[in-house]
Amino acid sequence: LGDPRDEANATRGKLAEIADGVIT
């Protein structure tokens, strides 16, 4: 469970996000 590769791939290249993850 501590294998870090998926977490590294899931966060790789992140540029921006929708604030709080809220869409209306």
PDBML (XML) file of the C-alpha atoms, coordinates in Angstrom:
<?xml version="1.0" encoding="UTF-8" ?>
<PDBx:datablock datablockName="MODEL"
   xmlns:PDBx="http://pdbml.pdb.org/schema/pdbx-v50.xsd"
   xmlns:xsi="http://www.w3.org/2001/XMLSchema-instance"
   xsi:schemaLocation="http://pdbml.pdb.org/schema/pdbx-v50.xsd pdbx-v50.xsd">
   <PDBx:atom_siteCategory>
      <PDBx:atom_site id="1">
         <PDBx:B_iso_or_equiv>0.00</PDBx:B_iso_or_equiv>
         <PDBx:Cartn_x>0.000</PDBx:Cartn_x>
         <PDBx:Cartn_y>0.000</PDBx:Cartn_y>
         <PDBx:Cartn_z>0.000</PDBx:Cartn_z>
         <PDBx:auth_asym_id>A</PDBx:auth_asym_id>
         <PDBx:auth_atom_id>CA</PDBx:auth_atom_id>
         <PDBx:auth_comp_id>LEU</PDBx:auth_comp_id>
         <PDBx:auth_seq_id>1</PDBx:auth_seq_id>
         <PDBx:group_PDB>ATOM</PDBx:group_PDB>
         <PDBx:label_alt_id xsi:nil="true" />
         <PDBx:label_asym_id>A</PDBx:label_asym_id>
         <PDBx:label_atom_id>CA</PDBx:label_atom_id>
         <PDBx:label_comp_id>LEU</PDBx:label_comp_id>
         <PDBx:label_entity_id>1</PDBx:label_entity_id>
         <PDBx:label_seq_id>1</PDBx:label_seq_id>
         <PDBx:occupancy>1.00</PDBx:occupancy>
         <PDBx:pdbx_PDB_model_num>1</PDBx:pdbx_PDB_model_num>
         <PDBx:type_symbol>C</PDBx:type_symbol>
      </PDBx:atom_site>
      <PDBx:atom_site id="2">
         <PDBx:B_iso_or_equiv>0.00</PDBx:B_iso_or_equiv>
         <PDBx:Cartn_x>2.946</PDBx:Cartn_x>
         <PDBx:Cartn_y>2.334</PDBx:Cartn_y>
         <PDBx:Cartn_z>0.449</PDBx:Cartn_z>
         <PDBx:auth_asym_id>A</PDBx:auth_asym_id>
         <PDBx:auth_atom_id>CA</PDBx:auth_atom_id>
         <PDBx:auth_comp_id>GLY</PDBx:auth_comp_id>
         <PDBx:auth_seq_id>2</PDBx:auth_seq_id>
         <PDBx:group_PDB>ATOM</PDBx:group_PDB>
         <PDBx:label_alt_id xsi:nil="true" />
         <PDBx:label_asym_id>A</PDBx:label_asym_id>
         <PDBx:label_atom_id>CA</PDBx:label_atom_id>
         <PDBx:label_comp_id>GLY</PDBx:label_comp_id>
         <PDBx:label_entity_id>1</PDBx:label_entity_id>
         <PDBx:label_seq_id>2</PDBx:label_seq_id>
         <PDBx:occupancy>1.00</PDBx:occupancy>
         <PDBx:pdbx_PDB_model_num>1</PDBx:pdbx_PDB_model_num>
         <PDBx:type_symbol>C</PDBx:type_symbol>
      </PDBx:atom_site>
      <PDBx:atom_site id="3">
         <PDBx:B_iso_or_equiv>0.00</PDBx:B_iso_or_equiv>
         <PDBx:Cartn_x>4.034</PDBx:Cartn_x>
         <PDBx:Cartn_y>2.052</PDBx:Cartn_y>
         <PDBx:Cartn_z>-3.196</PDBx:Cartn_z>
         <PDBx:auth_asym_id>A</PDBx:auth_asym_id>
         <PDBx:auth_atom_id>CA</PDBx:auth_atom_id>
         <PDBx:auth_comp_id>ASP</PDBx:auth_comp_id>
         <PDBx:auth_seq_id>3</PDBx:auth_seq_id>
         <PDBx:group_PDB>ATOM</PDBx:group_PDB>
         <PDBx:label_alt_id xsi:nil="true" />
         <PDBx:label_asym_id>A</PDBx:label_asym_id>
         <PDBx:label_atom_id>CA</PDBx:label_atom_id>
         <PDBx:label_comp_id>ASP</PDBx:label_comp_id>
         <PDBx:label_entity_id>1</PDBx:label_entity_id>
         <PDBx:label_seq_id>3</PDBx:label_seq_id>
         <PDBx:occupancy>1.00</PDBx:occupancy>
         <PDBx:pdbx_PDB_model_num>1</PDBx:pdbx_PDB_model_num>
         <PDBx:type_symbol>C</PDBx:type_symbol>
      </PDBx:atom_site>
      <PDBx:atom_site id="4">
         <PDBx:B_iso_or_equiv>0.00</PDBx:B_iso_or_equiv>
         <PDBx:Cartn_x>4.318</PDBx:Cartn_x>
         <PDBx:Cartn_y>5.731</PDBx:Cartn_y>
         <PDBx:Cartn_z>-4.238</PDBx:Cartn_z>
         <PDBx:auth_asym_id>A</PDBx:auth_asym_id>
         <PDBx:auth_atom_id>CA</PDBx:auth_atom_id>
         <PDBx:auth_comp_id>PRO</PDBx:auth_comp_id>
         <PDBx:auth_seq_id>4</PDBx:auth_seq_id>
         <PDBx:group_PDB>ATOM</PDBx:group_PDB>
         <PDBx:label_alt_id xsi:nil="true" />
         <PDBx:label_asym_id>A</PDBx:label_asym_id>
         <PDBx:label_atom_id>CA</PDBx:label_atom_id>
         <PDBx:label_comp_id>PRO</PDBx:label_comp_id>
         <PDBx:label_entity_id>1</PDBx:label_entity_id>
         <PDBx:label_seq_id>4</PDBx:label_seq_id>
         <PDBx:occupancy>1.00</PDBx:occupancy>
         <PDBx:pdbx_PDB_model_num>1</PDBx:pdbx_PDB_model_num>
         <PDBx:type_symbol>C</PDBx:type_symbol>
      </PDBx:atom_site>
      <PDBx:atom_site id="5">
         <PDBx:B_iso_or_equiv>0.00</PDBx:B_iso_or_equiv>
         <PDBx:Cartn_x>4.134</PDBx:Cartn_x>
         <PDBx:Cartn_y>5.331</PDBx:Cartn_y>
         <PDBx:Cartn_z>-8.022</PDBx:Cartn_z>
         <PDBx:auth_asym_id>A</PDBx:auth_asym_id>
         <PDBx:auth_atom_id>CA</PDBx:auth_atom_id>
         <PDBx:auth_comp_id>ARG</PDBx:auth_comp_id>
         <PDBx:auth_seq_id>5</PDBx:auth_seq_id>
         <PDBx:group_PDB>ATOM</PDBx:group_PDB>
         <PDBx:label_alt_id xsi:nil="true" />
         <PDBx:label_asym_id>A</PDBx:label_asym_id>
         <PDBx:label_atom_id>CA</PDBx:label_atom_id>
         <PDBx:label_comp_id>ARG</PDBx:label_comp_id>
         <PDBx:label_entity_id>1</PDBx:label_entity_id>
         <PDBx:label_seq_id>5</PDBx:label_seq_id>
         <PDBx:occupancy>1.00</PDBx:occupancy>
         <PDBx:pdbx_PDB_model_num>1</PDBx:pdbx_PDB_model_num>
         <PDBx:type_symbol>C</PDBx:type_symbol>
      </PDBx:atom_site>
      <PDBx:atom_site id="6">
         <PDBx:B_iso_or_equiv>0.00</PDBx:B_iso_or_equiv>
         <PDBx:Cartn_x>0.380</PDBx:Cartn_x>
         <PDBx:Cartn_y>5.744</PDBx:Cartn_y>
         <PDBx:Cartn_z>-8.490</PDBx:Cartn_z>
         <PDBx:auth_asym_id>A</PDBx:auth_asym_id>
         <PDBx:auth_atom_id>CA</PDBx:auth_atom_id>
         <PDBx:auth_comp_id>ASP</PDBx:auth_comp_id>
         <PDBx:auth_seq_id>6</PDBx:auth_seq_id>
         <PDBx:group_PDB>ATOM</PDBx:group_PDB>
         <PDBx:label_alt_id xsi:nil="true" />
         <PDBx:label_asym_id>A</PDBx:label_asym_id>
         <PDBx:label_atom_id>CA</PDBx:label_atom_id>
         <PDBx:label_comp_id>ASP</PDBx:label_comp_id>
         <PDBx:label_entity_id>1</PDBx:label_entity_id>
         <PDBx:label_seq_id>6</PDBx:label_seq_id>
         <PDBx:occupancy>1.00</PDBx:occupancy>
         <PDBx:pdbx_PDB_model_num>1</PDBx:pdbx_PDB_model_num>
         <PDBx:type_symbol>C</PDBx:type_symbol>
      </PDBx:atom_site>
      <PDBx:atom_site id="7">
         <PDBx:B_iso_or_equiv>0.00</PDBx:B_iso_or_equiv>
         <PDBx:Cartn_x>0.274</PDBx:Cartn_x>
         <PDBx:Cartn_y>8.807</PDBx:Cartn_y>
         <PDBx:Cartn_z>-6.257</PDBx:Cartn_z>
         <PDBx:auth_asym_id>A</PDBx:auth_asym_id>
         <PDBx:auth_atom_id>CA</PDBx:auth_atom_id>
         <PDBx:auth_comp_id>GLU</PDBx:auth_comp_id>
         <PDBx:auth_seq_id>7</PDBx:auth_seq_id>
         <PDBx:group_PDB>ATOM</PDBx:group_PDB>
         <PDBx:label_alt_id xsi:nil="true" />
         <PDBx:label_asym_id>A</PDBx:label_asym_id>
         <PDBx:label_atom_id>CA</PDBx:label_atom_id>
         <PDBx:label_comp_id>GLU</PDBx:label_comp_id>
         <PDBx:label_entity_id>1</PDBx:label_entity_id>
         <PDBx:label_seq_id>7</PDBx:label_seq_id>
         <PDBx:occupancy>1.00</PDBx:occupancy>
         <PDBx:pdbx_PDB_model_num>1</PDBx:pdbx_PDB_model_num>
         <PDBx:type_symbol>C</PDBx:type_symbol>
      </PDBx:atom_site>
      <PDBx:atom_site id="8">
         <PDBx:B_iso_or_equiv>0.00</PDBx:B_iso_or_equiv>
         <PDBx:Cartn_x>3.151</PDBx:Cartn_x>
         <PDBx:Cartn_y>10.338</PDBx:Cartn_y>
         <PDBx:Cartn_z>-8.218</PDBx:Cartn_z>
         <PDBx:auth_asym_id>A</PDBx:auth_asym_id>
         <PDBx:auth_atom_id>CA</PDBx:auth_atom_id>
         <PDBx:auth_comp_id>ALA</PDBx:auth_comp_id>
         <PDBx:auth_seq_id>8</PDBx:auth_seq_id>
         <PDBx:group_PDB>ATOM</PDBx:group_PDB>
         <PDBx:label_alt_id xsi:nil="true" />
         <PDBx:label_asym_id>A</PDBx:label_asym_id>
         <PDBx:label_atom_id>CA</PDBx:label_atom_id>
         <PDBx:label_comp_id>ALA</PDBx:label_comp_id>
         <PDBx:label_entity_id>1</PDBx:label_entity_id>
         <PDBx:label_seq_id>8</PDBx:label_seq_id>
         <PDBx:occupancy>1.00</PDBx:occupancy>
         <PDBx:pdbx_PDB_model_num>1</PDBx:pdbx_PDB_model_num>
         <PDBx:type_symbol>C</PDBx:type_symbol>
      </PDBx:atom_site>
      <PDBx:atom_site id="9">
         <PDBx:B_iso_or_equiv>0.00</PDBx:B_iso_or_equiv>
         <PDBx:Cartn_x>1.310</PDBx:Cartn_x>
         <PDBx:Cartn_y>9.692</PDBx:Cartn_y>
         <PDBx:Cartn_z>-11.494</PDBx:Cartn_z>
         <PDBx:auth_asym_id>A</PDBx:auth_asym_id>
         <PDBx:auth_atom_id>CA</PDBx:auth_atom_id>
         <PDBx:auth_comp_id>ASN</PDBx:auth_comp_id>
         <PDBx:auth_seq_id>9</PDBx:auth_seq_id>
         <PDBx:group_PDB>ATOM</PDBx:group_PDB>
         <PDBx:label_alt_id xsi:nil="true" />
         <PDBx:label_asym_id>A</PDBx:label_asym_id>
         <PDBx:label_atom_id>CA</PDBx:label_atom_id>
         <PDBx:label_comp_id>ASN</PDBx:label_comp_id>
         <PDBx:label_entity_id>1</PDBx:label_entity_id>
         <PDBx:label_seq_id>9</PDBx:label_seq_id>
         <PDBx:occupancy>1.00</PDBx:occupancy>
         <PDBx:pdbx_PDB_model_num>1</PDBx:pdbx_PDB_model_num>
         <PDBx:type_symbol>C</PDBx:type_symbol>
      </PDBx:atom_site>
      <PDBx:atom_site id="10">
         <PDBx:B_iso_or_equiv>0.00</PDBx:B_iso_or_equiv>
         <PDBx:Cartn_x>-2.048</PDBx:Cartn_x>
         <PDBx:Cartn_y>10.923</PDBx:Cartn_y>
         <PDBx:Cartn_z>-10.164</PDBx:Cartn_z>
         <PDBx:auth_asym_id>A</PDBx:auth_asym_id>
         <PDBx:auth_atom_id>CA</PDBx:auth_atom_id>
         <PDBx:auth_comp_id>ALA</PDBx:auth_comp_id>
         <PDBx:auth_seq_id>10</PDBx:auth_seq_id>
         <PDBx:group_PDB>ATOM</PDBx:group_PDB>
         <PDBx:label_alt_id xsi:nil="true" />
         <PDBx:label_asym_id>A</PDBx:label_asym_id>
         <PDBx:label_atom_id>CA</PDBx:label_atom_id>
         <PDBx:label_comp_id>ALA</PDBx:label_comp_id>
         <PDBx:label_entity_id>1</PDBx:label_entity_id>
         <PDBx:label_seq_id>10</PDBx:label_seq_id>
         <PDBx:occupancy>1.00</PDBx:occupancy>
         <PDBx:pdbx_PDB_model_num>1</PDBx:pdbx_PDB_model_num>
         <PDBx:type_symbol>C</PDBx:type_symbol>
      </PDBx:atom_site>
      <PDBx:atom_site id="11">
         <PDBx:B_iso_or_equiv>0.00</PDBx:B_iso_or_equiv>
         <PDBx:Cartn_x>-0.544</PDBx:Cartn_x>
         <PDBx:Cartn_y>14.268</PDBx:Cartn_y>
         <PDBx:Cartn_z>-9.136</PDBx:Cartn_z>
         <PDBx:auth_asym_id>A</PDBx:auth_asym_id>
         <PDBx:auth_atom_id>CA</PDBx:auth_atom_id>
         <PDBx:auth_comp_id>THR</PDBx:auth_comp_id>
         <PDBx:auth_seq_id>11</PDBx:auth_seq_id>
         <PDBx:group_PDB>ATOM</PDBx:group_PDB>
         <PDBx:label_alt_id xsi:nil="true" />
         <PDBx:label_asym_id>A</PDBx:label_asym_id>
         <PDBx:label_atom_id>CA</PDBx:label_atom_id>
         <PDBx:label_comp_id>THR</PDBx:label_comp_id>
         <PDBx:label_entity_id>1</PDBx:label_entity_id>
         <PDBx:label_seq_id>11</PDBx:label_seq_id>
         <PDBx:occupancy>1.00</PDBx:occupancy>
         <PDBx:pdbx_PDB_model_num>1</PDBx:pdbx_PDB_model_num>
         <PDBx:type_symbol>C</PDBx:type_symbol>
      </PDBx:atom_site>
      <PDBx:atom_site id="12">
         <PDBx:B_iso_or_equiv>0.00</PDBx:B_iso_or_equiv>
         <PDBx:Cartn_x>1.986</PDBx:Cartn_x>
         <PDBx:Cartn_y>14.655</PDBx:Cartn_y>
         <PDBx:Cartn_z>-11.960</PDBx:Cartn_z>
         <PDBx:auth_asym_id>A</PDBx:auth_asym_id>
         <PDBx:auth_atom_id>CA</PDBx:auth_atom_id>
         <PDBx:auth_comp_id>ARG</PDBx:auth_comp_id>
         <PDBx:auth_seq_id>12</PDBx:auth_seq_id>
         <PDBx:group_PDB>ATOM</PDBx:group_PDB>
         <PDBx:label_alt_id xsi:nil="true" />
         <PDBx:label_asym_id>A</PDBx:label_asym_id>
         <PDBx:label_atom_id>CA</PDBx:label_atom_id>
         <PDBx:label_comp_id>ARG</PDBx:label_comp_id>
         <PDBx:label_entity_id>1</PDBx:label_entity_id>
         <PDBx:label_seq_id>12</PDBx:label_seq_id>
         <PDBx:occupancy>1.00</PDBx:occupancy>
         <PDBx:pdbx_PDB_model_num>1</PDBx:pdbx_PDB_model_num>
         <PDBx:type_symbol>C</PDBx:type_symbol>
      </PDBx:atom_site>
      <PDBx:atom_site id="13">
         <PDBx:B_iso_or_equiv>0.00</PDBx:B_iso_or_equiv>
         <PDBx:Cartn_x>1.614</PDBx:Cartn_x>
         <PDBx:Cartn_y>17.731</PDBx:Cartn_y>
         <PDBx:Cartn_z>-14.142</PDBx:Cartn_z>
         <PDBx:auth_asym_id>A</PDBx:auth_asym_id>
         <PDBx:auth_atom_id>CA</PDBx:auth_atom_id>
         <PDBx:auth_comp_id>GLY</PDBx:auth_comp_id>
         <PDBx:auth_seq_id>13</PDBx:auth_seq_id>
         <PDBx:group_PDB>ATOM</PDBx:group_PDB>
         <PDBx:label_alt_id xsi:nil="true" />
         <PDBx:label_asym_id>A</PDBx:label_asym_id>
         <PDBx:label_atom_id>CA</PDBx:label_atom_id>
         <PDBx:label_comp_id>GLY</PDBx:label_comp_id>
         <PDBx:label_entity_id>1</PDBx:label_entity_id>
         <PDBx:label_seq_id>13</PDBx:label_seq_id>
         <PDBx:occupancy>1.00</PDBx:occupancy>
         <PDBx:pdbx_PDB_model_num>1</PDBx:pdbx_PDB_model_num>
         <PDBx:type_symbol>C</PDBx:type_symbol>
      </PDBx:atom_site>
      <PDBx:atom_site id="14">
         <PDBx:B_iso_or_equiv>0.00</PDBx:B_iso_or_equiv>
         <PDBx:Cartn_x>-1.106</PDBx:Cartn_x>
         <PDBx:Cartn_y>19.413</PDBx:Cartn_y>
         <PDBx:Cartn_z>-12.105</PDBx:Cartn_z>
         <PDBx:auth_asym_id>A</PDBx:auth_asym_id>
         <PDBx:auth_atom_id>CA</PDBx:auth_atom_id>
         <PDBx:auth_comp_id>LYS</PDBx:auth_comp_id>
         <PDBx:auth_seq_id>14</PDBx:auth_seq_id>
         <PDBx:group_PDB>ATOM</PDBx:group_PDB>
         <PDBx:label_alt_id xsi:nil="true" />
         <PDBx:label_asym_id>A</PDBx:label_asym_id>
         <PDBx:label_atom_id>CA</PDBx:label_atom_id>
         <PDBx:label_comp_id>LYS</PDBx:label_comp_id>
         <PDBx:label_entity_id>1</PDBx:label_entity_id>
         <PDBx:label_seq_id>14</PDBx:label_seq_id>
         <PDBx:occupancy>1.00</PDBx:occupancy>
         <PDBx:pdbx_PDB_model_num>1</PDBx:pdbx_PDB_model_num>
         <PDBx:type_symbol>C</PDBx:type_symbol>
      </PDBx:atom_site>
      <PDBx:atom_site id="15">
         <PDBx:B_iso_or_equiv>0.00</PDBx:B_iso_or_equiv>
         <PDBx:Cartn_x>-1.592</PDBx:Cartn_x>
         <PDBx:Cartn_y>23.020</PDBx:Cartn_y>
         <PDBx:Cartn_z>-13.251</PDBx:Cartn_z>
         <PDBx:auth_asym_id>A</PDBx:auth_asym_id>
         <PDBx:auth_atom_id>CA</PDBx:auth_atom_id>
         <PDBx:auth_comp_id>LEU</PDBx:auth_comp_id>
         <PDBx:auth_seq_id>15</PDBx:auth_seq_id>
         <PDBx:group_PDB>ATOM</PDBx:group_PDB>
         <PDBx:label_alt_id xsi:nil="true" />
         <PDBx:label_asym_id>A</PDBx:label_asym_id>
         <PDBx:label_atom_id>CA</PDBx:label_atom_id>
         <PDBx:label_comp_id>LEU</PDBx:label_comp_id>
         <PDBx:label_entity_id>1</PDBx:label_entity_id>
         <PDBx:label_seq_id>15</PDBx:label_seq_id>
         <PDBx:occupancy>1.00</PDBx:occupancy>
         <PDBx:pdbx_PDB_model_num>1</PDBx:pdbx_PDB_model_num>
         <PDBx:type_symbol>C</PDBx:type_symbol>
      </PDBx:atom_site>
      <PDBx:atom_site id="16">
         <PDBx:B_iso_or_equiv>0.00</PDBx:B_iso_or_equiv>
         <PDBx:Cartn_x>-4.814</PDBx:Cartn_x>
         <PDBx:Cartn_y>24.265</PDBx:Cartn_y>
         <PDBx:Cartn_z>-11.640</PDBx:Cartn_z>
         <PDBx:auth_asym_id>A</PDBx:auth_asym_id>
         <PDBx:auth_atom_id>CA</PDBx:auth_atom_id>
         <PDBx:auth_comp_id>ALA</PDBx:auth_comp_id>
         <PDBx:auth_seq_id>16</PDBx:auth_seq_id>
         <PDBx:group_PDB>ATOM</PDBx:group_PDB>
         <PDBx:label_alt_id xsi:nil="true" />
         <PDBx:label_asym_id>A</PDBx:label_asym_id>
         <PDBx:label_atom_id>CA</PDBx:label_atom_id>
         <PDBx:label_comp_id>ALA</PDBx:label_comp_id>
         <PDBx:label_entity_id>1</PDBx:label_entity_id>
         <PDBx:label_seq_id>16</PDBx:label_seq_id>
         <PDBx:occupancy>1.00</PDBx:occupancy>
         <PDBx:pdbx_PDB_model_num>1</PDBx:pdbx_PDB_model_num>
         <PDBx:type_symbol>C</PDBx:type_symbol>
      </PDBx:atom_site>
      <PDBx:atom_site id="17">
         <PDBx:B_iso_or_equiv>0.00</PDBx:B_iso_or_equiv>
         <PDBx:Cartn_x>-8.057</PDBx:Cartn_x>
         <PDBx:Cartn_y>23.189</PDBx:Cartn_y>
         <PDBx:Cartn_z>-10.000</PDBx:Cartn_z>
         <PDBx:auth_asym_id>A</PDBx:auth_asym_id>
         <PDBx:auth_atom_id>CA</PDBx:auth_atom_id>
         <PDBx:auth_comp_id>GLU</PDBx:auth_comp_id>
         <PDBx:auth_seq_id>17</PDBx:auth_seq_id>
         <PDBx:group_PDB>ATOM</PDBx:group_PDB>
         <PDBx:label_alt_id xsi:nil="true" />
         <PDBx:label_asym_id>A</PDBx:label_asym_id>
         <PDBx:label_atom_id>CA</PDBx:label_atom_id>
         <PDBx:label_comp_id>GLU</PDBx:label_comp_id>
         <PDBx:label_entity_id>1</PDBx:label_entity_id>
         <PDBx:label_seq_id>17</PDBx:label_seq_id>
         <PDBx:occupancy>1.00</PDBx:occupancy>
         <PDBx:pdbx_PDB_model_num>1</PDBx:pdbx_PDB_model_num>
         <PDBx:type_symbol>C</PDBx:type_symbol>
      </PDBx:atom_site>
      <PDBx:atom_site id="18">
         <PDBx:B_iso_or_equiv>0.00</PDBx:B_iso_or_equiv>
         <PDBx:Cartn_x>-11.636</PDBx:Cartn_x>
         <PDBx:Cartn_y>24.343</PDBx:Cartn_y>
         <PDBx:Cartn_z>-9.507</PDBx:Cartn_z>
         <PDBx:auth_asym_id>A</PDBx:auth_asym_id>
         <PDBx:auth_atom_id>CA</PDBx:auth_atom_id>
         <PDBx:auth_comp_id>ILE</PDBx:auth_comp_id>
         <PDBx:auth_seq_id>18</PDBx:auth_seq_id>
         <PDBx:group_PDB>ATOM</PDBx:group_PDB>
         <PDBx:label_alt_id xsi:nil="true" />
         <PDBx:label_asym_id>A</PDBx:label_asym_id>
         <PDBx:label_atom_id>CA</PDBx:label_atom_id>
         <PDBx:label_comp_id>ILE</PDBx:label_comp_id>
         <PDBx:label_entity_id>1</PDBx:label_entity_id>
         <PDBx:label_seq_id>18</PDBx:label_seq_id>
         <PDBx:occupancy>1.00</PDBx:occupancy>
         <PDBx:pdbx_PDB_model_num>1</PDBx:pdbx_PDB_model_num>
         <PDBx:type_symbol>C</PDBx:type_symbol>
      </PDBx:atom_site>
      <PDBx:atom_site id="19">
         <PDBx:B_iso_or_equiv>0.00</PDBx:B_iso_or_equiv>
         <PDBx:Cartn_x>-11.834</PDBx:Cartn_x>
         <PDBx:Cartn_y>26.016</PDBx:Cartn_y>
         <PDBx:Cartn_z>-6.112</PDBx:Cartn_z>
         <PDBx:auth_asym_id>A</PDBx:auth_asym_id>
         <PDBx:auth_atom_id>CA</PDBx:auth_atom_id>
         <PDBx:auth_comp_id>ALA</PDBx:auth_comp_id>
         <PDBx:auth_seq_id>19</PDBx:auth_seq_id>
         <PDBx:group_PDB>ATOM</PDBx:group_PDB>
         <PDBx:label_alt_id xsi:nil="true" />
         <PDBx:label_asym_id>A</PDBx:label_asym_id>
         <PDBx:label_atom_id>CA</PDBx:label_atom_id>
         <PDBx:label_comp_id>ALA</PDBx:label_comp_id>
         <PDBx:label_entity_id>1</PDBx:label_entity_id>
         <PDBx:label_seq_id>19</PDBx:label_seq_id>
         <PDBx:occupancy>1.00</PDBx:occupancy>
         <PDBx:pdbx_PDB_model_num>1</PDBx:pdbx_PDB_model_num>
         <PDBx:type_symbol>C</PDBx:type_symbol>
      </PDBx:atom_site>
      <PDBx:atom_site id="20">
         <PDBx:B_iso_or_equiv>0.00</PDBx:B_iso_or_equiv>
         <PDBx:Cartn_x>-13.054</PDBx:Cartn_x>
         <PDBx:Cartn_y>23.541</PDBx:Cartn_y>
         <PDBx:Cartn_z>-3.471</PDBx:Cartn_z>
         <PDBx:auth_asym_id>A</PDBx:auth_asym_id>
         <PDBx:auth_atom_id>CA</PDBx:auth_atom_id>
         <PDBx:auth_comp_id>ASP</PDBx:auth_comp_id>
         <PDBx:auth_seq_id>20</PDBx:auth_seq_id>
         <PDBx:group_PDB>ATOM</PDBx:group_PDB>
         <PDBx:label_alt_id xsi:nil="true" />
         <PDBx:label_asym_id>A</PDBx:label_asym_id>
         <PDBx:label_atom_id>CA</PDBx:label_atom_id>
         <PDBx:label_comp_id>ASP</PDBx:label_comp_id>
         <PDBx:label_entity_id>1</PDBx:label_entity_id>
         <PDBx:label_seq_id>20</PDBx:label_seq_id>
         <PDBx:occupancy>1.00</PDBx:occupancy>
         <PDBx:pdbx_PDB_model_num>1</PDBx:pdbx_PDB_model_num>
         <PDBx:type_symbol>C</PDBx:type_symbol>
      </PDBx:atom_site>
      <PDBx:atom_site id="21">
         <PDBx:B_iso_or_equiv>0.00</PDBx:B_iso_or_equiv>
         <PDBx:Cartn_x>-14.062</PDBx:Cartn_x>
         <PDBx:Cartn_y>21.172</PDBx:Cartn_y>
         <PDBx:Cartn_z>-6.284</PDBx:Cartn_z>
         <PDBx:auth_asym_id>A</PDBx:auth_asym_id>
         <PDBx:auth_atom_id>CA</PDBx:auth_atom_id>
         <PDBx:auth_comp_id>GLY</PDBx:auth_comp_id>
         <PDBx:auth_seq_id>21</PDBx:auth_seq_id>
         <PDBx:group_PDB>ATOM</PDBx:group_PDB>
         <PDBx:label_alt_id xsi:nil="true" />
         <PDBx:label_asym_id>A</PDBx:label_asym_id>
         <PDBx:label_atom_id>CA</PDBx:label_atom_id>
         <PDBx:label_comp_id>GLY</PDBx:label_comp_id>
         <PDBx:label_entity_id>1</PDBx:label_entity_id>
         <PDBx:label_seq_id>21</PDBx:label_seq_id>
         <PDBx:occupancy>1.00</PDBx:occupancy>
         <PDBx:pdbx_PDB_model_num>1</PDBx:pdbx_PDB_model_num>
         <PDBx:type_symbol>C</PDBx:type_symbol>
      </PDBx:atom_site>
      <PDBx:atom_site id="22">
         <PDBx:B_iso_or_equiv>0.00</PDBx:B_iso_or_equiv>
         <PDBx:Cartn_x>-17.518</PDBx:Cartn_x>
         <PDBx:Cartn_y>22.771</PDBx:Cartn_y>
         <PDBx:Cartn_z>-6.445</PDBx:Cartn_z>
         <PDBx:auth_asym_id>A</PDBx:auth_asym_id>
         <PDBx:auth_atom_id>CA</PDBx:auth_atom_id>
         <PDBx:auth_comp_id>VAL</PDBx:auth_comp_id>
         <PDBx:auth_seq_id>22</PDBx:auth_seq_id>
         <PDBx:group_PDB>ATOM</PDBx:group_PDB>
         <PDBx:label_alt_id xsi:nil="true" />
         <PDBx:label_asym_id>A</PDBx:label_asym_id>
         <PDBx:label_atom_id>CA</PDBx:label_atom_id>
         <PDBx:label_comp_id>VAL</PDBx:label_comp_id>
         <PDBx:label_entity_id>1</PDBx:label_entity_id>
         <PDBx:label_seq_id>22</PDBx:label_seq_id>
         <PDBx:occupancy>1.00</PDBx:occupancy>
         <PDBx:pdbx_PDB_model_num>1</PDBx:pdbx_PDB_model_num>
         <PDBx:type_symbol>C</PDBx:type_symbol>
      </PDBx:atom_site>
      <PDBx:atom_site id="23">
         <PDBx:B_iso_or_equiv>0.00</PDBx:B_iso_or_equiv>
         <PDBx:Cartn_x>-19.511</PDBx:Cartn_x>
         <PDBx:Cartn_y>23.016</PDBx:Cartn_y>
         <PDBx:Cartn_z>-9.697</PDBx:Cartn_z>
         <PDBx:auth_asym_id>A</PDBx:auth_asym_id>
         <PDBx:auth_atom_id>CA</PDBx:auth_atom_id>
         <PDBx:auth_comp_id>ILE</PDBx:auth_comp_id>
         <PDBx:auth_seq_id>23</PDBx:auth_seq_id>
         <PDBx:group_PDB>ATOM</PDBx:group_PDB>
         <PDBx:label_alt_id xsi:nil="true" />
         <PDBx:label_asym_id>A</PDBx:label_asym_id>
         <PDBx:label_atom_id>CA</PDBx:label_atom_id>
         <PDBx:label_comp_id>ILE</PDBx:label_comp_id>
         <PDBx:label_entity_id>1</PDBx:label_entity_id>
         <PDBx:label_seq_id>23</PDBx:label_seq_id>
         <PDBx:occupancy>1.00</PDBx:occupancy>
         <PDBx:pdbx_PDB_model_num>1</PDBx:pdbx_PDB_model_num>
         <PDBx:type_symbol>C</PDBx:type_symbol>
      </PDBx:atom_site>
      <PDBx:atom_site id="24">
         <PDBx:B_iso_or_equiv>0.00</PDBx:B_iso_or_equiv>
         <PDBx:Cartn_x>-22.931</PDBx:Cartn_x>
         <PDBx:Cartn_y>24.638</PDBx:Cartn_y>
         <PDBx:Cartn_z>-9.866</PDBx:Cartn_z>
         <PDBx:auth_asym_id>A</PDBx:auth_asym_id>
         <PDBx:auth_atom_id>CA</PDBx:auth_atom_id>
         <PDBx:auth_comp_id>THR</PDBx:auth_comp_id>
         <PDBx:auth_seq_id>24</PDBx:auth_seq_id>
         <PDBx:group_PDB>ATOM</PDBx:group_PDB>
         <PDBx:label_alt_id xsi:nil="true" />
         <PDBx:label_asym_id>A</PDBx:label_asym_id>
         <PDBx:label_atom_id>CA</PDBx:label_atom_id>
         <PDBx:label_comp_id>THR</PDBx:label_comp_id>
         <PDBx:label_entity_id>1</PDBx:label_entity_id>
         <PDBx:label_seq_id>24</PDBx:label_seq_id>
         <PDBx:occupancy>1.00</PDBx:occupancy>
         <PDBx:pdbx_PDB_model_num>1</PDBx:pdbx_PDB_model_num>
         <PDBx:type_symbol>C</PDBx:type_symbol>
      </PDBx:atom_site>
   </PDBx:atom_siteCategory>
</PDBx:datablock>
